[in-house]
Amino acid sequence: MPHIIVKLLPGRTENQKKELTDKIVQAVMETVNAGEESISVSFEEIPNGKWAEEVYKPDILGKEKTLYKKPGYSY
């Protein structure tokens, strides 16, 4: 039952979010053999000024052992 949370800066359109959702769902179905009915995707828009405290420190630095793709930036 994969649940994917996409955290990103504000400014993407609903169409962009829907297109990304479709691509994520397709990739999950193909890669881990999950049925579409078991996959959920949500978006959390994080303002740039809060990115370090709400995403970078807790989710990237704080969970470095579970990170499969590291960002090319740092704070």
PDB file of N, CA and C in Angstrom:
ATOM      1  N   MET A   1       0.834  -1.179   0.000  1.00  0.00           N
ATOM      2  CA  MET A   1       0.000   0.000   0.000  1.00  0.00           C
ATOM      3  C   MET A   1       0.877   1.239   0.000  1.00  0.00           C
ATOM      4  N   PRO A   2       1.517   1.528  -1.076  1.00  0.00           N
ATOM      5  CA  PRO A   2       2.376   2.705  -1.098  1.00  0.00           C
ATOM      6  C   PRO A   2       1.585   4.006  -0.999  1.00  0.00           C
ATOM      7  N   HIS A   3       2.063   4.875  -0.123  1.00  0.00           N
ATOM      8  CA  HIS A   3       1.555   6.249  -0.057  1.00  0.00           C
ATOM      9  C   HIS A   3       2.745   7.152  -0.293  1.00  0.00           C
ATOM     10  N   ILE A   4       2.685   7.952  -1.325  1.00  0.00           N
ATOM     11  CA  ILE A   4       3.789   8.823  -1.701  1.00  0.00           C
ATOM     12  C   ILE A   4       3.413  10.256  -1.377  1.00  0.00           C
ATOM     13  N   ILE A   5       4.294  10.947  -0.653  1.00  0.00           N
ATOM     14  CA  ILE A   5       4.105  12.359  -0.334  1.00  0.00           C
ATOM     15  C   ILE A   5       5.132  13.150  -1.129  1.00  0.00           C
ATOM     16  N   VAL A   6       4.668  14.066  -1.939  1.00  0.00           N
ATOM     17  CA  VAL A   6       5.547  14.925  -2.730  1.00  0.00           C
ATOM     18  C   VAL A   6       5.562  16.289  -2.055  1.00  0.00           C
ATOM     19  N   LYS A   7       6.727  16.675  -1.578  1.00  0.00           N
ATOM     20  CA  LYS A   7       6.889  17.993  -0.970  1.00  0.00           C
ATOM     21  C   LYS A   7       7.609  18.868  -1.982  1.00  0.00           C
ATOM     22  N   LEU A   8       7.053  20.033  -2.251  1.00  0.00           N
ATOM     23  CA  LEU A   8       7.623  20.910  -3.261  1.00  0.00           C
ATOM     24  C   LEU A   8       7.276  22.351  -2.972  1.00  0.00           C
ATOM     25  N   LEU A   9       8.005  23.237  -3.627  1.00  0.00           N
ATOM     26  CA  LEU A   9       7.705  24.656  -3.483  1.00  0.00           C
ATOM     27  C   LEU A   9       6.382  24.968  -4.170  1.00  0.00           C
ATOM     28  N   PRO A  10       5.648  25.957  -3.698  1.00  0.00           N
ATOM     29  CA  PRO A  10       4.398  26.348  -4.351  1.00  0.00           C
ATOM     30  C   PRO A  10       4.642  26.843  -5.772  1.00  0.00           C
ATOM     31  N   GLY A  11       3.598  26.768  -6.584  1.00  0.00           N
ATOM     32  CA  GLY A  11       3.678  27.340  -7.917  1.00  0.00           C
ATOM     33  C   GLY A  11       3.378  26.379  -9.044  1.00  0.00           C
ATOM     34  N   ARG A  12       3.251  25.088  -8.749  1.00  0.00           N
ATOM     35  CA  ARG A  12       2.915  24.134  -9.799  1.00  0.00           C
ATOM     36  C   ARG A  12       1.412  24.188 -10.049  1.00  0.00           C
ATOM     37  N   THR A  13       1.026  23.973 -11.284  1.00  0.00           N
ATOM     38  CA  THR A  13      -0.400  23.993 -11.627  1.00  0.00           C
ATOM     39  C   THR A  13      -1.043  22.666 -11.244  1.00  0.00           C
ATOM     40  N   GLU A  14      -2.372  22.667 -11.195  1.00  0.00           N
ATOM     41  CA  GLU A  14      -3.099  21.426 -10.936  1.00  0.00           C
ATOM     42  C   GLU A  14      -2.808  20.397 -12.024  1.00  0.00           C
ATOM     43  N   ASN A  15      -2.699  20.853 -13.267  1.00  0.00           N
ATOM     44  CA  ASN A  15      -2.379  19.929 -14.357  1.00  0.00           C
ATOM     45  C   ASN A  15      -1.005  19.298 -14.169  1.00  0.00           C
ATOM     46  N   GLN A  16      -0.024  20.066 -13.728  1.00  0.00           N
ATOM     47  CA  GLN A  16       1.306  19.521 -13.474  1.00  0.00           C
ATOM     48  C   GLN A  16       1.256  18.479 -12.355  1.00  0.00           C
ATOM     49  N   LYS A  17       0.508  18.773 -11.302  1.00  0.00           N
ATOM     50  CA  LYS A  17       0.389  17.827 -10.190  1.00  0.00           C
ATOM     51  C   LYS A  17      -0.325  16.549 -10.634  1.00  0.00           C
ATOM     52  N   LYS A  18      -1.361  16.685 -11.437  1.00  0.00           N
ATOM     53  CA  LYS A  18      -2.076  15.508 -11.934  1.00  0.00           C
ATOM     54  C   LYS A  18      -1.194  14.676 -12.849  1.00  0.00           C
ATOM     55  N   GLU A  19      -0.412  15.332 -13.713  1.00  0.00           N
ATOM     56  CA  GLU A  19       0.485  14.610 -14.611  1.00  0.00           C
ATOM     57  C   GLU A  19       1.568  13.880 -13.817  1.00  0.00           C
ATOM     58  N   LEU A  20       2.146  14.545 -12.820  1.00  0.00           N
ATOM     59  CA  LEU A  20       3.148  13.900 -11.985  1.00  0.00           C
ATOM     60  C   LEU A  20       2.538  12.727 -11.226  1.00  0.00           C
ATOM     61  N   THR A  21       1.330  12.909 -10.712  1.00  0.00           N
ATOM     62  CA  THR A  21       0.639  11.827 -10.011  1.00  0.00           C
ATOM     63  C   THR A  21       0.474  10.619 -10.923  1.00  0.00           C
ATOM     64  N   ASP A  22       0.015  10.840 -12.148  1.00  0.00           N
ATOM     65  CA  ASP A  22      -0.161   9.732 -13.091  1.00  0.00           C
ATOM     66  C   ASP A  22       1.157   9.006 -13.338  1.00  0.00           C
ATOM     67  N   LYS A  23       2.249   9.744 -13.476  1.00  0.00           N
ATOM     68  CA  LYS A  23       3.553   9.135 -13.733  1.00  0.00           C
ATOM     69  C   LYS A  23       4.072   8.376 -12.512  1.00  0.00           C
ATOM     70  N   ILE A  24       3.852   8.926 -11.337  1.00  0.00           N
ATOM     71  CA  ILE A  24       4.252   8.238 -10.108  1.00  0.00           C
ATOM     72  C   ILE A  24       3.478   6.933  -9.965  1.00  0.00           C
ATOM     73  N   VAL A  25       2.173   7.006 -10.138  1.00  0.00           N
ATOM     74  CA  VAL A  25       1.333   5.806 -10.004  1.00  0.00           C
ATOM     75  C   VAL A  25       1.770   4.742 -11.002  1.00  0.00           C
ATOM     76  N   GLN A  26       1.997   5.130 -12.241  1.00  0.00           N
ATOM     77  CA  GLN A  26       2.434   4.178 -13.264  1.00  0.00           C
ATOM     78  C   GLN A  26       3.771   3.539 -12.881  1.00  0.00           C
ATOM     79  N   ALA A  27       4.709   4.343 -12.422  1.00  0.00           N
ATOM     80  CA  ALA A  27       6.022   3.824 -12.037  1.00  0.00           C
ATOM     81  C   ALA A  27       5.918   2.863 -10.859  1.00  0.00           C
ATOM     82  N   VAL A  28       5.095   3.190  -9.880  1.00  0.00           N
ATOM     83  CA  VAL A  28       4.928   2.315  -8.717  1.00  0.00           C
ATOM     84  C   VAL A  28       4.283   0.999  -9.134  1.00  0.00           C
ATOM     85  N   MET A  29       3.269   1.077  -9.975  1.00  0.00           N
ATOM     86  CA  MET A  29       2.598  -0.142 -10.445  1.00  0.00           C
ATOM     87  C   MET A  29       3.593  -1.051 -11.168  1.00  0.00           C
ATOM     88  N   GLU A  30       4.410  -0.483 -12.040  1.00  0.00           N
ATOM     89  CA  GLU A  30       5.357  -1.271 -12.831  1.00  0.00           C
ATOM     90  C   GLU A  30       6.529  -1.787 -12.004  1.00  0.00           C
ATOM     91  N   THR A  31       6.978  -0.998 -11.047  1.00  0.00           N
ATOM     92  CA  THR A  31       8.204  -1.335 -10.328  1.00  0.00           C
ATOM     93  C   THR A  31       7.987  -2.280  -9.151  1.00  0.00           C
ATOM     94  N   VAL A  32       6.937  -2.055  -8.387  1.00  0.00           N
ATOM     95  CA  VAL A  32       6.725  -2.888  -7.193  1.00  0.00           C
ATOM     96  C   VAL A  32       5.473  -3.752  -7.295  1.00  0.00           C
ATOM     97  N   ASN A  33       4.926  -3.815  -8.502  1.00  0.00           N
ATOM     98  CA  ASN A  33       3.781  -4.692  -8.765  1.00  0.00           C
ATOM     99  C   ASN A  33       2.608  -4.404  -7.830  1.00  0.00           C
ATOM    100  N   ALA A  34       2.326  -3.128  -7.622  1.00  0.00           N
ATOM    101  CA  ALA A  34       1.199  -2.732  -6.788  1.00  0.00           C
ATOM    102  C   ALA A  34       0.015  -2.395  -7.685  1.00  0.00           C
ATOM    103  N   GLY A  35      -1.173  -2.695  -7.219  1.00  0.00           N
ATOM    104  CA  GLY A  35      -2.375  -2.331  -7.953  1.00  0.00           C
ATOM    105  C   GLY A  35      -2.679  -0.857  -7.772  1.00  0.00           C
ATOM    106  N   GLU A  36      -3.260  -0.267  -8.797  1.00  0.00           N
ATOM    107  CA  GLU A  36      -3.568   1.166  -8.736  1.00  0.00           C
ATOM    108  C   GLU A  36      -4.441   1.506  -7.533  1.00  0.00           C
ATOM    109  N   GLU A  37      -5.325   0.597  -7.167  1.00  0.00           N
ATOM    110  CA  GLU A  37      -6.237   0.856  -6.055  1.00  0.00           C
ATOM    111  C   GLU A  37      -5.521   0.956  -4.709  1.00  0.00           C
ATOM    112  N   SER A  38      -4.286   0.468  -4.644  1.00  0.00           N
ATOM    113  CA  SER A  38      -3.565   0.501  -3.370  1.00  0.00           C
ATOM    114  C   SER A  38      -2.605   1.688  -3.255  1.00  0.00           C
ATOM    115  N   ILE A  39      -2.507   2.503  -4.289  1.00  0.00           N
ATOM    116  CA  ILE A  39      -1.547   3.604  -4.315  1.00  0.00           C
ATOM    117  C   ILE A  39      -2.248   4.930  -4.040  1.00  0.00           C
ATOM    118  N   SER A  40      -1.633   5.733  -3.179  1.00  0.00           N
ATOM    119  CA  SER A  40      -2.142   7.086  -2.950  1.00  0.00           C
ATOM    120  C   SER A  40      -0.977   8.064  -3.042  1.00  0.00           C
ATOM    121  N   VAL A  41      -1.293   9.270  -3.503  1.00  0.00           N
ATOM    122  CA  VAL A  41      -0.277  10.311  -3.692  1.00  0.00           C
ATOM    123  C   VAL A  41      -0.835  11.620  -3.151  1.00  0.00           C
ATOM    124  N   SER A  42      -0.031  12.319  -2.374  1.00  0.00           N
ATOM    125  CA  SER A  42      -0.447  13.634  -1.895  1.00  0.00           C
ATOM    126  C   SER A  42       0.665  14.643  -2.150  1.00  0.00           C
ATOM    127  N   PHE A  43       0.296  15.914  -2.157  1.00  0.00           N
ATOM    128  CA  PHE A  43       1.242  17.006  -2.368  1.00  0.00           C
ATOM    129  C   PHE A  43       1.203  17.931  -1.167  1.00  0.00           C
ATOM    130  N   GLU A  44       2.374  18.341  -0.720  1.00  0.00           N
ATOM    131  CA  GLU A  44       2.500  19.334   0.343  1.00  0.00           C
ATOM    132  C   GLU A  44       3.352  20.470  -0.196  1.00  0.00           C
ATOM    133  N   GLU A  45       2.765  21.636  -0.312  1.00  0.00           N
ATOM    134  CA  GLU A  45       3.504  22.804  -0.784  1.00  0.00           C
ATOM    135  C   GLU A  45       4.145  23.499   0.410  1.00  0.00           C
ATOM    136  N   ILE A  46       5.452  23.607   0.358  1.00  0.00           N
ATOM    137  CA  ILE A  46       6.222  24.195   1.448  1.00  0.00           C
ATOM    138  C   ILE A  46       6.859  25.491   0.943  1.00  0.00           C
ATOM    139  N   PRO A  47       6.568  26.618   1.567  1.00  0.00           N
ATOM    140  CA  PRO A  47       7.181  27.877   1.138  1.00  0.00           C
ATOM    141  C   PRO A  47       8.713  27.819   1.249  1.00  0.00           C
ATOM    142  N   ASN A  48       9.385  28.493   0.349  1.00  0.00           N
ATOM    143  CA  ASN A  48      10.847  28.480   0.306  1.00  0.00           C
ATOM    144  C   ASN A  48      11.467  28.836   1.648  1.00  0.00           C
ATOM    145  N   GLY A  49      10.899  29.803   2.335  1.00  0.00           N
ATOM    146  CA  GLY A  49      11.432  30.230   3.621  1.00  0.00           C
ATOM    147  C   GLY A  49      11.310  29.197   4.721  1.00  0.00           C
ATOM    148  N   LYS A  50      10.493  28.180   4.526  1.00  0.00           N
ATOM    149  CA  LYS A  50      10.306  27.132   5.531  1.00  0.00           C
ATOM    150  C   LYS A  50      10.919  25.802   5.107  1.00  0.00           C
ATOM    151  N   TRP A  51      11.495  25.764   3.896  1.00  0.00           N
ATOM    152  CA  TRP A  51      12.001  24.503   3.350  1.00  0.00           C
ATOM    153  C   TRP A  51      13.074  23.862   4.241  1.00  0.00           C
ATOM    154  N   ALA A  52      14.020  24.658   4.699  1.00  0.00           N
ATOM    155  CA  ALA A  52      15.108  24.110   5.520  1.00  0.00           C
ATOM    156  C   ALA A  52      14.579  23.475   6.795  1.00  0.00           C
ATOM    157  N   GLU A  53      13.673  24.161   7.479  1.00  0.00           N
ATOM    158  CA  GLU A  53      13.164  23.663   8.758  1.00  0.00           C
ATOM    159  C   GLU A  53      12.130  22.550   8.605  1.00  0.00           C
ATOM    160  N   GLU A  54      11.299  22.622   7.571  1.00  0.00           N
ATOM    161  CA  GLU A  54      10.191  21.666   7.449  1.00  0.00           C
ATOM    162  C   GLU A  54      10.509  20.464   6.562  1.00  0.00           C
ATOM    163  N   VAL A  55      11.522  20.600   5.711  1.00  0.00           N
ATOM    164  CA  VAL A  55      11.838  19.488   4.802  1.00  0.00           C
ATOM    165  C   VAL A  55      13.303  19.066   4.912  1.00  0.00           C
ATOM    166  N   TYR A  56      14.216  19.995   4.655  1.00  0.00           N
ATOM    167  CA  TYR A  56      15.633  19.625   4.563  1.00  0.00           C
ATOM    168  C   TYR A  56      16.158  18.989   5.854  1.00  0.00           C
ATOM    169  N   LYS A  57      15.961  19.659   6.965  1.00  0.00           N
ATOM    170  CA  LYS A  57      16.504  19.128   8.223  1.00  0.00           C
ATOM    171  C   LYS A  57      15.805  17.844   8.676  1.00  0.00           C
ATOM    172  N   PRO A  58      14.459  17.812   8.732  1.00  0.00           N
ATOM    173  CA  PRO A  58      13.828  16.584   9.236  1.00  0.00           C
ATOM    174  C   PRO A  58      13.795  15.431   8.233  1.00  0.00           C
ATOM    175  N   ASP A  59      13.548  15.717   6.971  1.00  0.00           N
ATOM    176  CA  ASP A  59      13.328  14.636   5.999  1.00  0.00           C
ATOM    177  C   ASP A  59      14.575  14.224   5.226  1.00  0.00           C
ATOM    178  N   ILE A  60      15.515  15.126   5.063  1.00  0.00           N
ATOM    179  CA  ILE A  60      16.716  14.807   4.287  1.00  0.00           C
ATOM    180  C   ILE A  60      17.876  14.494   5.235  1.00  0.00           C
ATOM    181  N   LEU A  61      18.240  15.443   6.080  1.00  0.00           N
ATOM    182  CA  LEU A  61      19.318  15.177   7.036  1.00  0.00           C
ATOM    183  C   LEU A  61      18.891  14.166   8.099  1.00  0.00           C
ATOM    184  N   GLY A  62      17.679  14.323   8.589  1.00  0.00           N
ATOM    185  CA  GLY A  62      17.202  13.470   9.677  1.00  0.00           C
ATOM    186  C   GLY A  62      16.891  12.040   9.274  1.00  0.00           C
ATOM    187  N   LYS A  63      16.729  11.794   7.987  1.00  0.00           N
ATOM    188  CA  LYS A  63      16.410  10.441   7.509  1.00  0.00           C
ATOM    189  C   LYS A  63      17.370  10.026   6.398  1.00  0.00           C
ATOM    190  N   GLU A  64      18.611  10.427   6.554  1.00  0.00           N
ATOM    191  CA  GLU A  64      19.618  10.206   5.516  1.00  0.00           C
ATOM    192  C   GLU A  64      19.787   8.729   5.165  1.00  0.00           C
ATOM    193  N   LYS A  65      19.609   7.846   6.140  1.00  0.00           N
ATOM    194  CA  LYS A  65      19.776   6.403   5.885  1.00  0.00           C
ATOM    195  C   LYS A  65      18.669   5.836   5.007  1.00  0.00           C
ATOM    196  N   THR A  66      17.537   6.522   4.918  1.00  0.00           N
ATOM    197  CA  THR A  66      16.437   6.035   4.080  1.00  0.00           C
ATOM    198  C   THR A  66      16.355   6.780   2.755  1.00  0.00           C
ATOM    199  N   LEU A  67      17.266   7.716   2.533  1.00  0.00           N
ATOM    200  CA  LEU A  67      17.255   8.554   1.340  1.00  0.00           C
ATOM    201  C   LEU A  67      17.926   7.825   0.176  1.00  0.00           C
ATOM    202  N   TYR A  68      17.207   7.623  -0.909  1.00  0.00           N
ATOM    203  CA  TYR A  68      17.755   6.940  -2.081  1.00  0.00           C
ATOM    204  C   TYR A  68      18.281   7.915  -3.128  1.00  0.00           C
ATOM    205  N   LYS A  69      17.853   9.147  -3.078  1.00  0.00           N
ATOM    206  CA  LYS A  69      18.347  10.184  -3.990  1.00  0.00           C
ATOM    207  C   LYS A  69      18.565  11.444  -3.163  1.00  0.00           C
ATOM    208  N   LYS A  70      19.836  11.819  -3.019  1.00  0.00           N
ATOM    209  CA  LYS A  70      20.174  13.027  -2.251  1.00  0.00           C
ATOM    210  C   LYS A  70      20.076  14.244  -3.165  1.00  0.00           C
ATOM    211  N   PRO A  71      19.688  15.381  -2.603  1.00  0.00           N
ATOM    212  CA  PRO A  71      19.630  16.605  -3.407  1.00  0.00           C
ATOM    213  C   PRO A  71      21.035  17.136  -3.689  1.00  0.00           C
ATOM    214  N   GLY A  72      21.135  17.975  -4.679  1.00  0.00           N
ATOM    215  CA  GLY A  72      22.404  18.586  -5.023  1.00  0.00           C
ATOM    216  C   GLY A  72      22.597  19.940  -4.373  1.00  0.00           C
ATOM    217  N   TYR A  73      21.894  20.194  -3.286  1.00  0.00           N
ATOM    218  CA  TYR A  73      22.021  21.458  -2.556  1.00  0.00           C
ATOM    219  C   TYR A  73      22.135  21.156  -1.077  1.00  0.00           C
ATOM    220  N   SER A  74      22.510  22.146  -0.313  1.00  0.00           N
ATOM    221  CA  SER A  74      22.557  21.992   1.144  1.00  0.00           C
ATOM    222  C   SER A  74      22.215  23.334   1.790  1.00  0.00           C
ATOM    223  N   TYR A  75      21.933  23.274   3.061  1.00  0.00           N
ATOM    224  CA  TYR A  75      21.652  24.480   3.839  1.00  0.00           C
ATOM    225  C   TYR A  75      22.685  24.594   4.941  1.00  0.00           C
TER     226      TYR A  75
END
